[in-house]
Amino acid sequence: MAAMPKPIRAFDLAAPVDIYRVIGRRPTTIWVDAAGRIAQHGASGQALREFVYWRTVAAPADQVQVQERVGGLFLVTREGACHPIALAPPHPIDPEAPFLHAQTARAEDGVVIDSLLAAGRIILATGYKVMQNPSRPGDRLLPADHPLVVEDRPPELDETPAPPFGRARLRWN
């Protein structure tokens, strides 16, 4: 991939904003079978996984933007780093409607964006250019009993930065 497409919308911060940055995933107690149907815990299926978040604050002095892109919301730095986030407080996957979780979370983020815009805490802007692939902390599997949201910054969060776009070691990323 030579570059990421432009953001759908980008927002500069005019005041500090609570964000929930993805730091990993944890298994849930909800199991699905090979056909994608809810199943009983066991060898014929696998547990759904949900994102785990670090609750932090982004401020205007950080020179970051919240960008709405295909795939969700991202915190983008002026240098072009890109990290998946949520703006609405996360909640566990509902066992009664597990396949609607992502859609519900996106709708809740939209409500938060609307309220932040109305309050003047974020403003529409021209998006910073993303210079590297989005970070992939969601690939880190955490234990099932890990809290959904942590308050302290995980020390391993930026151990492996995302690779830049383009060729690396004669292979396309």
C-alpha atoms as a PDB file:
ATOM      1  CA  MET A   1       0.000   0.000   0.000  1.00  0.00           C
ATOM      2  CA  ALA A   2       1.541   3.287  -1.053  1.00  0.00           C
ATOM      3  CA  ALA A   3      -0.528   5.481   1.251  1.00  0.00           C
ATOM      4  CA  MET A   4      -3.734   5.505   3.252  1.00  0.00           C
ATOM      5  CA  PRO A   5      -6.796   7.109   1.684  1.00  0.00           C
ATOM      6  CA  LYS A   6      -7.755  10.537   2.968  1.00  0.00           C
ATOM      7  CA  PRO A   7      -9.783  10.658   6.181  1.00  0.00           C
ATOM      8  CA  ILE A   8     -13.545  10.933   6.033  1.00  0.00           C
ATOM      9  CA  ARG A   9     -13.305  13.748   8.619  1.00  0.00           C
ATOM     10  CA  ALA A  10     -10.464  15.128  10.713  1.00  0.00           C
ATOM     11  CA  PHE A  11     -10.700  17.133  13.909  1.00  0.00           C
ATOM     12  CA  ASP A  12      -8.193  19.373  15.653  1.00  0.00           C
ATOM     13  CA  LEU A  13      -8.459  19.553  19.418  1.00  0.00           C
ATOM     14  CA  ALA A  14      -9.509  22.889  20.919  1.00  0.00           C
ATOM     15  CA  ALA A  15      -9.633  21.478  24.473  1.00  0.00           C
ATOM     16  CA  PRO A  16      -8.495  18.282  26.200  1.00  0.00           C
ATOM     17  CA  VAL A  17     -10.535  15.240  25.134  1.00  0.00           C
ATOM     18  CA  ASP A  18     -10.811  11.827  26.801  1.00  0.00           C
ATOM     19  CA  ILE A  19      -9.774   9.052  24.440  1.00  0.00           C
ATOM     20  CA  TYR A  20      -9.610   5.291  24.728  1.00  0.00           C
ATOM     21  CA  ARG A  21      -6.562   3.960  22.891  1.00  0.00           C
ATOM     22  CA  VAL A  22      -6.555   0.283  21.883  1.00  0.00           C
ATOM     23  CA  ILE A  23      -3.841  -1.684  23.716  1.00  0.00           C
ATOM     24  CA  GLY A  24      -4.846  -5.270  22.969  1.00  0.00           C
ATOM     25  CA  ARG A  25      -7.671  -7.787  22.896  1.00  0.00           C
ATOM     26  CA  ARG A  26      -9.050 -10.212  25.434  1.00  0.00           C
ATOM     27  CA  PRO A  27     -11.199 -13.318  24.909  1.00  0.00           C
ATOM     28  CA  THR A  28     -14.846 -13.141  25.959  1.00  0.00           C
ATOM     29  CA  THR A  29     -17.150 -15.859  27.260  1.00  0.00           C
ATOM     30  CA  ILE A  30     -19.091 -15.733  23.973  1.00  0.00           C
ATOM     31  CA  TRP A  31     -18.269 -18.576  21.601  1.00  0.00           C
ATOM     32  CA  VAL A  32     -19.050 -18.958  17.901  1.00  0.00           C
ATOM     33  CA  ASP A  33     -18.906 -22.035  15.705  1.00  0.00           C
ATOM     34  CA  ALA A  34     -17.373 -22.369  12.237  1.00  0.00           C
ATOM     35  CA  ALA A  35     -20.599 -21.096  10.644  1.00  0.00           C
ATOM     36  CA  GLY A  36     -20.501 -17.915  12.743  1.00  0.00           C
ATOM     37  CA  ARG A  37     -23.385 -18.869  15.035  1.00  0.00           C
ATOM     38  CA  ILE A  38     -23.380 -18.523  18.813  1.00  0.00           C
ATOM     39  CA  ALA A  39     -22.088 -21.795  20.248  1.00  0.00           C
ATOM     40  CA  GLN A  40     -21.375 -23.433  23.570  1.00  0.00           C
ATOM     41  CA  HIS A  41     -17.888 -23.232  25.035  1.00  0.00           C
ATOM     42  CA  GLY A  42     -15.873 -26.045  23.535  1.00  0.00           C
ATOM     43  CA  ALA A  43     -13.540 -27.358  20.886  1.00  0.00           C
ATOM     44  CA  SER A  44     -15.952 -26.835  17.979  1.00  0.00           C
ATOM     45  CA  GLY A  45     -15.764 -23.062  18.203  1.00  0.00           C
ATOM     46  CA  GLN A  46     -13.731 -20.148  19.386  1.00  0.00           C
ATOM     47  CA  ALA A  47     -14.225 -17.269  21.774  1.00  0.00           C
ATOM     48  CA  LEU A  48     -14.971 -13.810  20.418  1.00  0.00           C
ATOM     49  CA  ARG A  49     -12.365 -11.227  21.357  1.00  0.00           C
ATOM     50  CA  GLU A  50     -12.936  -7.645  22.390  1.00  0.00           C
ATOM     51  CA  PHE A  51     -10.618  -4.662  22.394  1.00  0.00           C
ATOM     52  CA  VAL A  52      -8.940  -3.547  25.622  1.00  0.00           C
ATOM     53  CA  TYR A  53      -8.282   0.181  26.073  1.00  0.00           C
ATOM     54  CA  TRP A  54      -6.020   2.636  27.851  1.00  0.00           C
ATOM     55  CA  ARG A  55      -8.018   5.675  29.017  1.00  0.00           C
ATOM     56  CA  THR A  56      -6.012   8.835  28.490  1.00  0.00           C
ATOM     57  CA  VAL A  57      -6.419  12.469  27.475  1.00  0.00           C
ATOM     58  CA  ALA A  58      -5.388  14.123  24.223  1.00  0.00           C
ATOM     59  CA  ALA A  59      -4.776  17.859  24.429  1.00  0.00           C
ATOM     60  CA  PRO A  60      -4.203  20.619  21.849  1.00  0.00           C
ATOM     61  CA  ALA A  61      -0.532  20.854  22.902  1.00  0.00           C
ATOM     62  CA  ASP A  62      -0.024  17.208  21.822  1.00  0.00           C
ATOM     63  CA  GLN A  63      -0.422  18.232  18.158  1.00  0.00           C
ATOM     64  CA  VAL A  64      -2.612  15.253  17.338  1.00  0.00           C
ATOM     65  CA  GLN A  65      -5.857  14.888  15.440  1.00  0.00           C
ATOM     66  CA  VAL A  66      -8.822  12.603  15.780  1.00  0.00           C
ATOM     67  CA  GLN A  67      -9.529  11.253  12.312  1.00  0.00           C
ATOM     68  CA  GLU A  68     -12.565   9.332  11.178  1.00  0.00           C
ATOM     69  CA  ARG A  69     -11.415   6.779   8.614  1.00  0.00           C
ATOM     70  CA  VAL A  70     -12.634   3.565   7.079  1.00  0.00           C
ATOM     71  CA  GLY A  71     -12.273   1.107   9.946  1.00  0.00           C
ATOM     72  CA  GLY A  72     -12.919   3.502  12.807  1.00  0.00           C
ATOM     73  CA  LEU A  73     -11.410   6.438  14.654  1.00  0.00           C
ATOM     74  CA  PHE A  74      -7.681   7.049  14.796  1.00  0.00           C
ATOM     75  CA  LEU A  75      -5.410   9.377  16.702  1.00  0.00           C
ATOM     76  CA  VAL A  76      -2.932  10.764  14.166  1.00  0.00           C
ATOM     77  CA  THR A  77       0.239  12.626  15.132  1.00  0.00           C
ATOM     78  CA  ARG A  78       1.746  15.484  13.161  1.00  0.00           C
ATOM     79  CA  GLU A  79       4.613  13.101  12.296  1.00  0.00           C
ATOM     80  CA  GLY A  80       2.147  10.691  10.684  1.00  0.00           C
ATOM     81  CA  ALA A  81       1.809   7.934  13.316  1.00  0.00           C
ATOM     82  CA  CYS A  82      -1.689   6.469  13.491  1.00  0.00           C
ATOM     83  CA  HIS A  83      -3.335   4.701  16.469  1.00  0.00           C
ATOM     84  CA  PRO A  84      -6.830   3.158  16.758  1.00  0.00           C
ATOM     85  CA  ILE A  85      -9.016   4.809  19.411  1.00  0.00           C
ATOM     86  CA  ALA A  86     -12.562   5.193  20.668  1.00  0.00           C
ATOM     87  CA  LEU A  87     -14.144   8.348  22.067  1.00  0.00           C
ATOM     88  CA  ALA A  88     -17.128   6.769  23.796  1.00  0.00           C
ATOM     89  CA  PRO A  89     -16.465   4.808  26.985  1.00  0.00           C
ATOM     90  CA  PRO A  90     -16.124   1.147  25.983  1.00  0.00           C
ATOM     91  CA  HIS A  91     -18.345  -1.589  27.338  1.00  0.00           C
ATOM     92  CA  PRO A  92     -18.106  -5.397  27.120  1.00  0.00           C
ATOM     93  CA  ILE A  93     -19.666  -7.260  24.227  1.00  0.00           C
ATOM     94  CA  ASP A  94     -23.346  -7.964  24.931  1.00  0.00           C
ATOM     95  CA  PRO A  95     -23.946 -11.735  24.834  1.00  0.00           C
ATOM     96  CA  GLU A  96     -27.478 -11.116  23.502  1.00  0.00           C
ATOM     97  CA  ALA A  97     -26.258  -9.186  20.430  1.00  0.00           C
ATOM     98  CA  PRO A  98     -22.520  -9.830  20.043  1.00  0.00           C
ATOM     99  CA  PHE A  99     -22.379  -9.123  16.316  1.00  0.00           C
ATOM    100  CA  LEU A 100     -23.771  -5.602  16.756  1.00  0.00           C
ATOM    101  CA  HIS A 101     -21.017  -4.521  19.161  1.00  0.00           C
ATOM    102  CA  ALA A 102     -18.785  -2.767  16.611  1.00  0.00           C
ATOM    103  CA  GLN A 103     -21.751  -1.012  14.999  1.00  0.00           C
ATOM    104  CA  THR A 104     -23.008   0.179  18.386  1.00  0.00           C
ATOM    105  CA  ALA A 105     -19.546   1.425  19.392  1.00  0.00           C
ATOM    106  CA  ARG A 106     -19.201   3.386  16.124  1.00  0.00           C
ATOM    107  CA  ALA A 107     -22.645   4.963  16.671  1.00  0.00           C
ATOM    108  CA  GLU A 108     -21.681   5.946  20.229  1.00  0.00           C
ATOM    109  CA  ASP A 109     -18.441   7.508  18.941  1.00  0.00           C
ATOM    110  CA  GLY A 110     -20.539   9.518  16.453  1.00  0.00           C
ATOM    111  CA  VAL A 111     -22.673  10.884  19.289  1.00  0.00           C
ATOM    112  CA  VAL A 112     -19.520  11.904  21.200  1.00  0.00           C
ATOM    113  CA  ILE A 113     -18.107  13.620  18.082  1.00  0.00           C
ATOM    114  CA  ASP A 114     -21.348  15.574  17.655  1.00  0.00           C
ATOM    115  CA  SER A 115     -21.323  16.691  21.300  1.00  0.00           C
ATOM    116  CA  LEU A 116     -17.625  17.674  21.165  1.00  0.00           C
ATOM    117  CA  LEU A 117     -18.238  19.681  17.983  1.00  0.00           C
ATOM    118  CA  ALA A 118     -21.273  21.417  19.536  1.00  0.00           C
ATOM    119  CA  ALA A 119     -19.251  22.281  22.651  1.00  0.00           C
ATOM    120  CA  GLY A 120     -16.354  23.625  20.564  1.00  0.00           C
ATOM    121  CA  ARG A 121     -13.884  21.112  22.032  1.00  0.00           C
ATOM    122  CA  ILE A 122     -12.963  19.806  18.569  1.00  0.00           C
ATOM    123  CA  ILE A 123     -13.067  21.584  15.219  1.00  0.00           C
ATOM    124  CA  LEU A 124     -13.137  20.290  11.659  1.00  0.00           C
ATOM    125  CA  ALA A 125      -9.700  20.409  10.044  1.00  0.00           C
ATOM    126  CA  THR A 126      -7.654  19.244   7.113  1.00  0.00           C
ATOM    127  CA  GLY A 127      -6.268  15.844   8.065  1.00  0.00           C
ATOM    128  CA  TYR A 128      -2.631  15.198   8.817  1.00  0.00           C
ATOM    129  CA  LYS A 129      -1.062  12.813   6.339  1.00  0.00           C
ATOM    130  CA  VAL A 130      -0.551   9.316   7.712  1.00  0.00           C
ATOM    131  CA  MET A 131       3.064   8.279   7.088  1.00  0.00           C
ATOM    132  CA  GLN A 132       2.996   4.759   8.468  1.00  0.00           C
ATOM    133  CA  ASN A 133       0.600   1.873   8.835  1.00  0.00           C
ATOM    134  CA  PRO A 134      -1.772   2.103  11.805  1.00  0.00           C
ATOM    135  CA  SER A 135      -0.317   0.622  14.976  1.00  0.00           C
ATOM    136  CA  ARG A 136      -1.578  -2.896  15.667  1.00  0.00           C
ATOM    137  CA  PRO A 137      -1.873  -3.309  19.429  1.00  0.00           C
ATOM    138  CA  GLY A 138      -5.120  -5.170  18.812  1.00  0.00           C
ATOM    139  CA  ASP A 139      -2.940  -8.106  17.762  1.00  0.00           C
ATOM    140  CA  ARG A 140      -1.678  -8.418  21.361  1.00  0.00           C
ATOM    141  CA  LEU A 141      -3.779 -11.015  23.171  1.00  0.00           C
ATOM    142  CA  LEU A 142      -4.344 -10.291  26.849  1.00  0.00           C
ATOM    143  CA  PRO A 143      -5.754 -12.652  29.500  1.00  0.00           C
ATOM    144  CA  ALA A 144      -9.535 -13.039  29.752  1.00  0.00           C
ATOM    145  CA  ASP A 145      -9.545 -11.454  33.214  1.00  0.00           C
ATOM    146  CA  HIS A 146      -7.710  -8.312  32.037  1.00  0.00           C
ATOM    147  CA  PRO A 147      -9.734  -5.129  32.710  1.00  0.00           C
ATOM    148  CA  LEU A 148     -11.546  -3.677  29.705  1.00  0.00           C
ATOM    149  CA  VAL A 149     -10.099  -0.211  30.432  1.00  0.00           C
ATOM    150  CA  VAL A 150      -6.833   0.609  32.206  1.00  0.00           C
ATOM    151  CA  GLU A 151      -5.871   4.001  33.593  1.00  0.00           C
ATOM    152  CA  ASP A 152      -2.073   3.598  33.553  1.00  0.00           C
ATOM    153  CA  ARG A 153      -0.096   3.699  30.304  1.00  0.00           C
ATOM    154  CA  PRO A 154       1.047   0.180  29.408  1.00  0.00           C
ATOM    155  CA  PRO A 155       4.864   0.169  29.153  1.00  0.00           C
ATOM    156  CA  GLU A 156       4.862  -2.138  26.117  1.00  0.00           C
ATOM    157  CA  LEU A 157       2.453   0.039  24.114  1.00  0.00           C
ATOM    158  CA  ASP A 158       5.021   1.391  21.656  1.00  0.00           C
ATOM    159  CA  GLU A 159       7.583  -1.446  21.712  1.00  0.00           C
ATOM    160  CA  THR A 160       7.136  -2.265  18.042  1.00  0.00           C
ATOM    161  CA  PRO A 161       6.247   0.752  15.936  1.00  0.00           C
ATOM    162  CA  ALA A 162       4.194   0.204  12.816  1.00  0.00           C
ATOM    163  CA  PRO A 163       6.235  -0.034   9.618  1.00  0.00           C
ATOM    164  CA  PRO A 164       6.285   2.841   7.157  1.00  0.00           C
ATOM    165  CA  PHE A 165       4.367   2.590   3.894  1.00  0.00           C
ATOM    166  CA  GLY A 166       6.099   1.286   0.794  1.00  0.00           C
ATOM    167  CA  ARG A 167       9.000  -1.088   0.345  1.00  0.00           C
ATOM    168  CA  ALA A 168      10.891  -2.525   3.271  1.00  0.00           C
ATOM    169  CA  ARG A 169      13.538  -5.231   2.740  1.00  0.00           C
ATOM    170  CA  LEU A 170      12.467  -5.547  -0.888  1.00  0.00           C
ATOM    171  CA  ARG A 171       8.884  -6.495   0.022  1.00  0.00           C
ATOM    172  CA  TRP A 172       5.766  -4.409  -0.093  1.00  0.00           C
ATOM    173  CA  ASN A 173       4.179  -3.890   3.295  1.00  0.00           C
END
